[in-house]
């Protein structure tokens, strides 16, 4: 008497599983290829940003350029600007830096081009927030720094509260409105480091960093595609072996 061994799944179910598996493989491969493309885009972006950061400072974009300002094309451009600080309208924005916790000092800067730019003059520790402890250059000032795009809304799980004077992000439009500023550029400038790093605020602390984990993500999707193909091959082989045993019996 032969063993009565039947296939673990019917032929129709096996076909359905194979079709579903192939759809998953195609999806995983598509996601992997997309991550490879994203990695190429990210590497190109990093190269372009590095070139902007280390380039000679250029003129700050004026009102005619503002509608076209965007993160991908303009973030971290090295700029130069001449004008006058309005120290009495500075805004403190909470910050966490390599020097510890404290605040960014965002000060309106009335440029000689006729518009205002918020300048992040740099970092002050939480226990040094009194402007009397900072250098406050008067008269016409020439500065250089990096263009940064606005950070609307607030920080992680913490919304800006203009009425209470609590700021967790450098939201240009909201700060300009709270300070009653007119004709303000839609970006702000991170000022370069000053001649004396011991003086407050401490400039030049911009961190130029981009997450680039697309290679790992691509490997993950390709691995899932390979595992799915392996699982389908195993199921098909077992079904075929079971069919042969049943025929032999």
C-alpha atoms as a PDB file:
ATOM      1  CA  UNK A   1       0.000   0.000   0.000  1.00  0.00           C
ATOM      2  CA  UNK A   2       1.527   3.365  -1.114  1.00  0.00           C
ATOM      3  CA  UNK A   3       1.541   6.563   0.940  1.00  0.00           C
ATOM      4  CA  UNK A   4      -1.303   8.914   0.042  1.00  0.00           C
ATOM      5  CA  UNK A   5       0.689  12.165  -0.240  1.00  0.00           C
ATOM      6  CA  UNK A   6      -1.194  15.056  -1.807  1.00  0.00           C
ATOM      7  CA  UNK A   7       0.227  18.477  -2.740  1.00  0.00           C
ATOM      8  CA  UNK A   8      -0.019  21.019   0.096  1.00  0.00           C
ATOM      9  CA  UNK A   9      -2.065  23.354  -2.071  1.00  0.00           C
ATOM     10  CA  UNK A  10      -4.281  22.944  -5.063  1.00  0.00           C
ATOM     11  CA  UNK A  11      -2.982  23.905  -8.495  1.00  0.00           C
ATOM     12  CA  UNK A  12      -5.232  26.989  -8.581  1.00  0.00           C
ATOM     13  CA  UNK A  13      -4.010  28.180  -5.204  1.00  0.00           C
ATOM     14  CA  UNK A  14      -0.412  27.639  -6.268  1.00  0.00           C
ATOM     15  CA  UNK A  15      -0.909  29.692  -9.415  1.00  0.00           C
ATOM     16  CA  UNK A  16      -2.482  32.481  -7.353  1.00  0.00           C
ATOM     17  CA  UNK A  17       0.428  32.423  -4.897  1.00  0.00           C
ATOM     18  CA  UNK A  18       2.933  32.601  -7.748  1.00  0.00           C
ATOM     19  CA  UNK A  19       1.140  35.537  -9.331  1.00  0.00           C
ATOM     20  CA  UNK A  20       0.989  37.383  -6.025  1.00  0.00           C
ATOM     21  CA  UNK A  21       4.647  36.630  -5.392  1.00  0.00           C
ATOM     22  CA  UNK A  22       5.685  37.943  -8.802  1.00  0.00           C
ATOM     23  CA  UNK A  23       3.718  41.120  -8.181  1.00  0.00           C
ATOM     24  CA  UNK A  24       5.570  41.543  -4.885  1.00  0.00           C
ATOM     25  CA  UNK A  25       8.913  40.889  -6.579  1.00  0.00           C
ATOM     26  CA  UNK A  26       8.152  43.513  -9.225  1.00  0.00           C
ATOM     27  CA  UNK A  27       7.160  45.975  -6.492  1.00  0.00           C
ATOM     28  CA  UNK A  28      10.289  45.318  -4.442  1.00  0.00           C
ATOM     29  CA  UNK A  29      12.506  45.681  -7.517  1.00  0.00           C
ATOM     30  CA  UNK A  30      10.767  48.935  -8.433  1.00  0.00           C
ATOM     31  CA  UNK A  31      11.322  50.339  -4.946  1.00  0.00           C
ATOM     32  CA  UNK A  32      14.962  49.253  -5.031  1.00  0.00           C
ATOM     33  CA  UNK A  33      15.546  50.943  -8.384  1.00  0.00           C
ATOM     34  CA  UNK A  34      13.812  54.080  -7.084  1.00  0.00           C
ATOM     35  CA  UNK A  35      16.169  54.151  -4.095  1.00  0.00           C
ATOM     36  CA  UNK A  36      19.167  53.822  -6.420  1.00  0.00           C
ATOM     37  CA  UNK A  37      17.871  56.816  -8.372  1.00  0.00           C
ATOM     38  CA  UNK A  38      17.256  58.730  -5.149  1.00  0.00           C
ATOM     39  CA  UNK A  39      20.816  57.980  -4.055  1.00  0.00           C
ATOM     40  CA  UNK A  40      22.191  59.402  -7.307  1.00  0.00           C
ATOM     41  CA  UNK A  41      20.028  62.513  -6.839  1.00  0.00           C
ATOM     42  CA  UNK A  42      21.153  62.911  -3.211  1.00  0.00           C
ATOM     43  CA  UNK A  43      24.846  62.585  -4.099  1.00  0.00           C
ATOM     44  CA  UNK A  44      24.427  65.211  -6.805  1.00  0.00           C
ATOM     45  CA  UNK A  45      22.642  67.503  -4.334  1.00  0.00           C
ATOM     46  CA  UNK A  46      25.420  67.080  -1.759  1.00  0.00           C
ATOM     47  CA  UNK A  47      28.037  67.914  -4.385  1.00  0.00           C
ATOM     48  CA  UNK A  48      26.156  71.055  -5.443  1.00  0.00           C
ATOM     49  CA  UNK A  49      25.592  72.197  -1.855  1.00  0.00           C
ATOM     50  CA  UNK A  50      29.255  71.709  -0.974  1.00  0.00           C
ATOM     51  CA  UNK A  51      30.166  73.845  -3.978  1.00  0.00           C
ATOM     52  CA  UNK A  52      27.780  76.596  -2.813  1.00  0.00           C
ATOM     53  CA  UNK A  53      29.086  76.575   0.750  1.00  0.00           C
ATOM     54  CA  UNK A  54      32.717  76.997  -0.298  1.00  0.00           C
ATOM     55  CA  UNK A  55      32.100  79.399  -3.192  1.00  0.00           C
ATOM     56  CA  UNK A  56      32.942  83.085  -3.026  1.00  0.00           C
ATOM     57  CA  UNK A  57      30.008  85.016  -1.510  1.00  0.00           C
ATOM     58  CA  UNK A  58      27.533  86.391  -4.030  1.00  0.00           C
ATOM     59  CA  UNK A  59      24.833  89.067  -3.723  1.00  0.00           C
ATOM     60  CA  UNK A  60      21.764  88.316  -1.641  1.00  0.00           C
ATOM     61  CA  UNK A  61      18.665  87.603  -3.777  1.00  0.00           C
ATOM     62  CA  UNK A  62      16.379  90.627  -3.973  1.00  0.00           C
ATOM     63  CA  UNK A  63      12.584  90.902  -4.286  1.00  0.00           C
ATOM     64  CA  UNK A  64      12.563  90.047  -7.997  1.00  0.00           C
ATOM     65  CA  UNK A  65      14.201  86.691  -7.176  1.00  0.00           C
ATOM     66  CA  UNK A  66      12.111  85.790  -4.136  1.00  0.00           C
ATOM     67  CA  UNK A  67       9.331  83.883  -5.954  1.00  0.00           C
ATOM     68  CA  UNK A  68      11.936  81.465  -7.315  1.00  0.00           C
ATOM     69  CA  UNK A  69      13.816  80.801  -4.064  1.00  0.00           C
ATOM     70  CA  UNK A  70      13.774  77.096  -3.198  1.00  0.00           C
ATOM     71  CA  UNK A  71      15.650  74.663  -1.010  1.00  0.00           C
ATOM     72  CA  UNK A  72      17.090  72.489  -3.762  1.00  0.00           C
ATOM     73  CA  UNK A  73      18.479  75.332  -5.878  1.00  0.00           C
ATOM     74  CA  UNK A  74      19.325  77.930  -3.229  1.00  0.00           C
ATOM     75  CA  UNK A  75      19.883  76.431   0.230  1.00  0.00           C
ATOM     76  CA  UNK A  76      23.382  77.118   1.603  1.00  0.00           C
ATOM     77  CA  UNK A  77      24.317  79.644  -1.064  1.00  0.00           C
ATOM     78  CA  UNK A  78      27.169  81.788   0.242  1.00  0.00           C
ATOM     79  CA  UNK A  79      25.999  85.417   0.319  1.00  0.00           C
ATOM     80  CA  UNK A  80      27.336  88.856   1.114  1.00  0.00           C
ATOM     81  CA  UNK A  81      25.273  91.789   2.291  1.00  0.00           C
ATOM     82  CA  UNK A  82      25.778  95.309   3.597  1.00  0.00           C
ATOM     83  CA  UNK A  83      23.364  97.127   5.863  1.00  0.00           C
ATOM     84  CA  UNK A  84      22.346  97.953   9.416  1.00  0.00           C
ATOM     85  CA  UNK A  85      21.227  95.632  12.228  1.00  0.00           C
ATOM     86  CA  UNK A  86      18.034  96.380  14.163  1.00  0.00           C
ATOM     87  CA  UNK A  87      19.172  94.871  17.436  1.00  0.00           C
ATOM     88  CA  UNK A  88      16.105  95.994  19.365  1.00  0.00           C
ATOM     89  CA  UNK A  89      13.929  93.655  17.254  1.00  0.00           C
ATOM     90  CA  UNK A  90      15.975  90.481  17.688  1.00  0.00           C
ATOM     91  CA  UNK A  91      14.257  87.139  18.258  1.00  0.00           C
ATOM     92  CA  UNK A  92      15.578  84.211  20.251  1.00  0.00           C
ATOM     93  CA  UNK A  93      14.903  80.762  18.795  1.00  0.00           C
ATOM     94  CA  UNK A  94      15.622  77.679  20.861  1.00  0.00           C
ATOM     95  CA  UNK A  95      18.638  75.743  19.593  1.00  0.00           C
ATOM     96  CA  UNK A  96      20.667  72.650  20.330  1.00  0.00           C
ATOM     97  CA  UNK A  97      24.207  72.901  18.979  1.00  0.00           C
ATOM     98  CA  UNK A  98      27.673  71.440  19.398  1.00  0.00           C
ATOM     99  CA  UNK A  99      28.115  74.074  22.134  1.00  0.00           C
ATOM    100  CA  UNK A 100      25.050  72.854  24.015  1.00  0.00           C
ATOM    101  CA  UNK A 101      21.520  74.138  24.435  1.00  0.00           C
ATOM    102  CA  UNK A 102      20.542  77.762  24.102  1.00  0.00           C
ATOM    103  CA  UNK A 103      19.257  80.125  21.446  1.00  0.00           C
ATOM    104  CA  UNK A 104      19.844  81.385  17.945  1.00  0.00           C
ATOM    105  CA  UNK A 105      19.791  85.177  17.739  1.00  0.00           C
ATOM    106  CA  UNK A 106      17.769  86.225  14.684  1.00  0.00           C
ATOM    107  CA  UNK A 107      18.169  89.927  14.054  1.00  0.00           C
ATOM    108  CA  UNK A 108      16.549  92.017  11.294  1.00  0.00           C
ATOM    109  CA  UNK A 109      19.166  93.423   8.925  1.00  0.00           C
ATOM    110  CA  UNK A 110      18.119  96.380   6.789  1.00  0.00           C
ATOM    111  CA  UNK A 111      20.221  96.004   3.678  1.00  0.00           C
ATOM    112  CA  UNK A 112      21.454  98.853   1.513  1.00  0.00           C
ATOM    113  CA  UNK A 113      19.429  97.225  -1.290  1.00  0.00           C
ATOM    114  CA  UNK A 114      16.232  98.396   0.411  1.00  0.00           C
ATOM    115  CA  UNK A 115      14.875  95.151   1.873  1.00  0.00           C
ATOM    116  CA  UNK A 116      15.205  93.377   5.222  1.00  0.00           C
ATOM    117  CA  UNK A 117      16.760  89.978   5.866  1.00  0.00           C
ATOM    118  CA  UNK A 118      16.608  88.038   9.097  1.00  0.00           C
ATOM    119  CA  UNK A 119      20.190  87.204  10.038  1.00  0.00           C
ATOM    120  CA  UNK A 120      20.953  84.366  12.398  1.00  0.00           C
ATOM    121  CA  UNK A 121      23.889  86.066  14.096  1.00  0.00           C
ATOM    122  CA  UNK A 122      24.752  82.877  15.944  1.00  0.00           C
ATOM    123  CA  UNK A 123      24.329  80.972  19.189  1.00  0.00           C
ATOM    124  CA  UNK A 124      24.077  82.128  22.796  1.00  0.00           C
ATOM    125  CA  UNK A 125      23.892  79.750  25.807  1.00  0.00           C
ATOM    126  CA  UNK A 126      20.676  79.634  27.797  1.00  0.00           C
ATOM    127  CA  UNK A 127      22.310  81.504  30.695  1.00  0.00           C
ATOM    128  CA  UNK A 128      23.645  84.278  28.426  1.00  0.00           C
ATOM    129  CA  UNK A 129      20.440  85.455  26.785  1.00  0.00           C
ATOM    130  CA  UNK A 130      20.809  89.034  28.011  1.00  0.00           C
ATOM    131  CA  UNK A 131      21.759  91.218  24.987  1.00  0.00           C
ATOM    132  CA  UNK A 132      24.100  93.156  27.257  1.00  0.00           C
ATOM    133  CA  UNK A 133      26.427  90.129  27.066  1.00  0.00           C
ATOM    134  CA  UNK A 134      26.604  90.169  23.262  1.00  0.00           C
ATOM    135  CA  UNK A 135      28.514  92.193  20.717  1.00  0.00           C
ATOM    136  CA  UNK A 136      26.081  94.416  18.877  1.00  0.00           C
ATOM    137  CA  UNK A 137      27.801  96.146  15.964  1.00  0.00           C
ATOM    138  CA  UNK A 138      26.325  99.525  15.114  1.00  0.00           C
ATOM    139  CA  UNK A 139      26.316 101.511  11.900  1.00  0.00           C
ATOM    140  CA  UNK A 140      26.813  99.997   8.483  1.00  0.00           C
ATOM    141  CA  UNK A 141      27.984  96.398   8.619  1.00  0.00           C
ATOM    142  CA  UNK A 142      29.225  94.069   5.876  1.00  0.00           C
ATOM    143  CA  UNK A 143      28.504  90.412   6.519  1.00  0.00           C
ATOM    144  CA  UNK A 144      28.680  87.041   4.808  1.00  0.00           C
ATOM    145  CA  UNK A 145      26.716  83.899   5.497  1.00  0.00           C
ATOM    146  CA  UNK A 146      24.703  81.005   4.142  1.00  0.00           C
ATOM    147  CA  UNK A 147      21.194  81.285   2.732  1.00  0.00           C
ATOM    148  CA  UNK A 148      18.739  79.117   4.655  1.00  0.00           C
ATOM    149  CA  UNK A 149      15.135  78.416   3.795  1.00  0.00           C
ATOM    150  CA  UNK A 150      12.417  79.271   6.286  1.00  0.00           C
ATOM    151  CA  UNK A 151      11.380  76.682   8.889  1.00  0.00           C
ATOM    152  CA  UNK A 152       7.626  77.220   9.297  1.00  0.00           C
ATOM    153  CA  UNK A 153       5.509  75.884  12.117  1.00  0.00           C
ATOM    154  CA  UNK A 154       7.887  75.013  14.909  1.00  0.00           C
ATOM    155  CA  UNK A 155      10.005  72.146  16.160  1.00  0.00           C
ATOM    156  CA  UNK A 156       9.228  68.484  16.746  1.00  0.00           C
ATOM    157  CA  UNK A 157       5.972  68.332  18.727  1.00  0.00           C
ATOM    158  CA  UNK A 158       6.383  72.017  19.675  1.00  0.00           C
ATOM    159  CA  UNK A 159       4.600  74.753  17.769  1.00  0.00           C
ATOM    160  CA  UNK A 160       5.909  78.305  17.732  1.00  0.00           C
ATOM    161  CA  UNK A 161       3.997  80.593  20.091  1.00  0.00           C
ATOM    162  CA  UNK A 162       4.561  84.182  18.891  1.00  0.00           C
ATOM    163  CA  UNK A 163       2.254  85.685  21.505  1.00  0.00           C
ATOM    164  CA  UNK A 164       4.319  84.164  24.315  1.00  0.00           C
ATOM    165  CA  UNK A 165       7.629  84.789  22.541  1.00  0.00           C
ATOM    166  CA  UNK A 166       8.462  81.091  22.330  1.00  0.00           C
ATOM    167  CA  UNK A 167      10.146  80.086  19.093  1.00  0.00           C
ATOM    168  CA  UNK A 168      11.284  76.589  18.221  1.00  0.00           C
ATOM    169  CA  UNK A 169      12.042  77.104  14.534  1.00  0.00           C
ATOM    170  CA  UNK A 170      13.272  79.918  12.342  1.00  0.00           C
ATOM    171  CA  UNK A 171       9.947  80.719  10.705  1.00  0.00           C
ATOM    172  CA  UNK A 172      10.741  83.840   8.692  1.00  0.00           C
ATOM    173  CA  UNK A 173       7.163  84.884   7.878  1.00  0.00           C
ATOM    174  CA  UNK A 174       5.893  84.416  11.444  1.00  0.00           C
ATOM    175  CA  UNK A 175       8.860  86.215  13.017  1.00  0.00           C
ATOM    176  CA  UNK A 176       8.542  89.085  10.538  1.00  0.00           C
ATOM    177  CA  UNK A 177       4.860  89.456  11.364  1.00  0.00           C
ATOM    178  CA  UNK A 178       5.465  89.306  15.112  1.00  0.00           C
ATOM    179  CA  UNK A 179       8.176  91.976  14.848  1.00  0.00           C
ATOM    180  CA  UNK A 180       6.202  94.200  12.482  1.00  0.00           C
ATOM    181  CA  UNK A 181       8.768  93.941   9.685  1.00  0.00           C
ATOM    182  CA  UNK A 182       7.972  94.892   6.092  1.00  0.00           C
ATOM    183  CA  UNK A 183       9.520  93.736   2.813  1.00  0.00           C
ATOM    184  CA  UNK A 184      11.337  90.821   4.399  1.00  0.00           C
ATOM    185  CA  UNK A 185      13.199  88.244   2.325  1.00  0.00           C
ATOM    186  CA  UNK A 186      11.577  84.764   2.483  1.00  0.00           C
ATOM    187  CA  UNK A 187      14.872  83.251   3.606  1.00  0.00           C
ATOM    188  CA  UNK A 188      17.274  83.944   6.465  1.00  0.00           C
ATOM    189  CA  UNK A 189      21.059  84.026   6.576  1.00  0.00           C
ATOM    190  CA  UNK A 190      23.295  82.039   8.913  1.00  0.00           C
ATOM    191  CA  UNK A 191      26.138  84.461   9.580  1.00  0.00           C
ATOM    192  CA  UNK A 192      29.694  83.223   9.170  1.00  0.00           C
ATOM    193  CA  UNK A 193      31.925  83.010  12.225  1.00  0.00           C
ATOM    194  CA  UNK A 194      33.171  86.329  13.578  1.00  0.00           C
ATOM    195  CA  UNK A 195      36.824  87.244  14.131  1.00  0.00           C
ATOM    196  CA  UNK A 196      36.621  86.426  17.846  1.00  0.00           C
ATOM    197  CA  UNK A 197      34.993  83.024  18.561  1.00  0.00           C
ATOM    198  CA  UNK A 198      34.760  83.918  22.262  1.00  0.00           C
ATOM    199  CA  UNK A 199      32.307  86.729  21.578  1.00  0.00           C
ATOM    200  CA  UNK A 200      28.563  86.131  21.574  1.00  0.00           C
ATOM    201  CA  UNK A 201      26.636  85.303  19.508  1.00  0.00           C
ATOM    202  CA  UNK A 202      28.828  82.534  18.085  1.00  0.00           C
ATOM    203  CA  UNK A 203      28.386  82.355  14.326  1.00  0.00           C
ATOM    204  CA  UNK A 204      29.533  79.799  11.796  1.00  0.00           C
ATOM    205  CA  UNK A 205      27.790  76.854  13.453  1.00  0.00           C
ATOM    206  CA  UNK A 206      25.710  75.803  10.457  1.00  0.00           C
ATOM    207  CA  UNK A 207      25.636  72.031  10.117  1.00  0.00           C
ATOM    208  CA  UNK A 208      25.524  71.049   6.447  1.00  0.00           C
ATOM    209  CA  UNK A 209      24.398  67.444   6.563  1.00  0.00           C
ATOM    210  CA  UNK A 210      22.064  65.282   4.505  1.00  0.00           C
ATOM    211  CA  UNK A 211      20.820  61.827   5.375  1.00  0.00           C
ATOM    212  CA  UNK A 212      21.886  59.451   2.642  1.00  0.00           C
ATOM    213  CA  UNK A 213      20.711  55.944   3.510  1.00  0.00           C
ATOM    214  CA  UNK A 214      19.307  55.177   0.074  1.00  0.00           C
ATOM    215  CA  UNK A 215      21.949  52.492  -0.596  1.00  0.00           C
ATOM    216  CA  UNK A 216      20.853  50.562   2.507  1.00  0.00           C
ATOM    217  CA  UNK A 217      17.196  50.976   1.543  1.00  0.00           C
ATOM    218  CA  UNK A 218      17.927  49.739  -1.986  1.00  0.00           C
ATOM    219  CA  UNK A 219      19.715  46.659  -0.645  1.00  0.00           C
ATOM    220  CA  UNK A 220      16.744  45.972   1.633  1.00  0.00           C
ATOM    221  CA  UNK A 221      14.229  46.070  -1.237  1.00  0.00           C
ATOM    222  CA  UNK A 222      16.437  43.957  -3.505  1.00  0.00           C
ATOM    223  CA  UNK A 223      16.929  41.444  -0.687  1.00  0.00           C
ATOM    224  CA  UNK A 224      13.155  41.201  -0.187  1.00  0.00           C
ATOM    225  CA  UNK A 225      12.754  40.567  -3.916  1.00  0.00           C
ATOM    226  CA  UNK A 226      15.360  37.796  -3.785  1.00  0.00           C
ATOM    227  CA  UNK A 227      13.768  36.245  -0.679  1.00  0.00           C
ATOM    228  CA  UNK A 228      10.339  36.281  -2.301  1.00  0.00           C
ATOM    229  CA  UNK A 229      11.699  34.587  -5.428  1.00  0.00           C
ATOM    230  CA  UNK A 230      13.418  32.014  -3.231  1.00  0.00           C
ATOM    231  CA  UNK A 231      10.187  31.309  -1.344  1.00  0.00           C
ATOM    232  CA  UNK A 232       8.266  30.869  -4.615  1.00  0.00           C
ATOM    233  CA  UNK A 233      10.896  28.500  -5.963  1.00  0.00           C
ATOM    234  CA  UNK A 234      10.741  26.454  -2.772  1.00  0.00           C
ATOM    235  CA  UNK A 235       6.917  26.218  -2.861  1.00  0.00           C
ATOM    236  CA  UNK A 236       6.914  25.260  -6.533  1.00  0.00           C
ATOM    237  CA  UNK A 237       9.576  22.608  -5.978  1.00  0.00           C
ATOM    238  CA  UNK A 238       7.672  21.129  -3.041  1.00  0.00           C
ATOM    239  CA  UNK A 239       4.422  21.110  -5.013  1.00  0.00           C
ATOM    240  CA  UNK A 240       6.124  19.403  -7.944  1.00  0.00           C
ATOM    241  CA  UNK A 241       7.744  16.832  -5.662  1.00  0.00           C
ATOM    242  CA  UNK A 242       4.427  16.157  -3.955  1.00  0.00           C
ATOM    243  CA  UNK A 243       2.721  15.671  -7.314  1.00  0.00           C
ATOM    244  CA  UNK A 244       5.324  13.153  -8.382  1.00  0.00           C
ATOM    245  CA  UNK A 245       4.968  11.209  -5.140  1.00  0.00           C
ATOM    246  CA  UNK A 246       1.207  11.158  -5.589  1.00  0.00           C
ATOM    247  CA  UNK A 247       1.551   9.867  -9.163  1.00  0.00           C
ATOM    248  CA  UNK A 248       4.012   7.238  -8.072  1.00  0.00           C
ATOM    249  CA  UNK A 249       1.586   6.054  -5.403  1.00  0.00           C
END
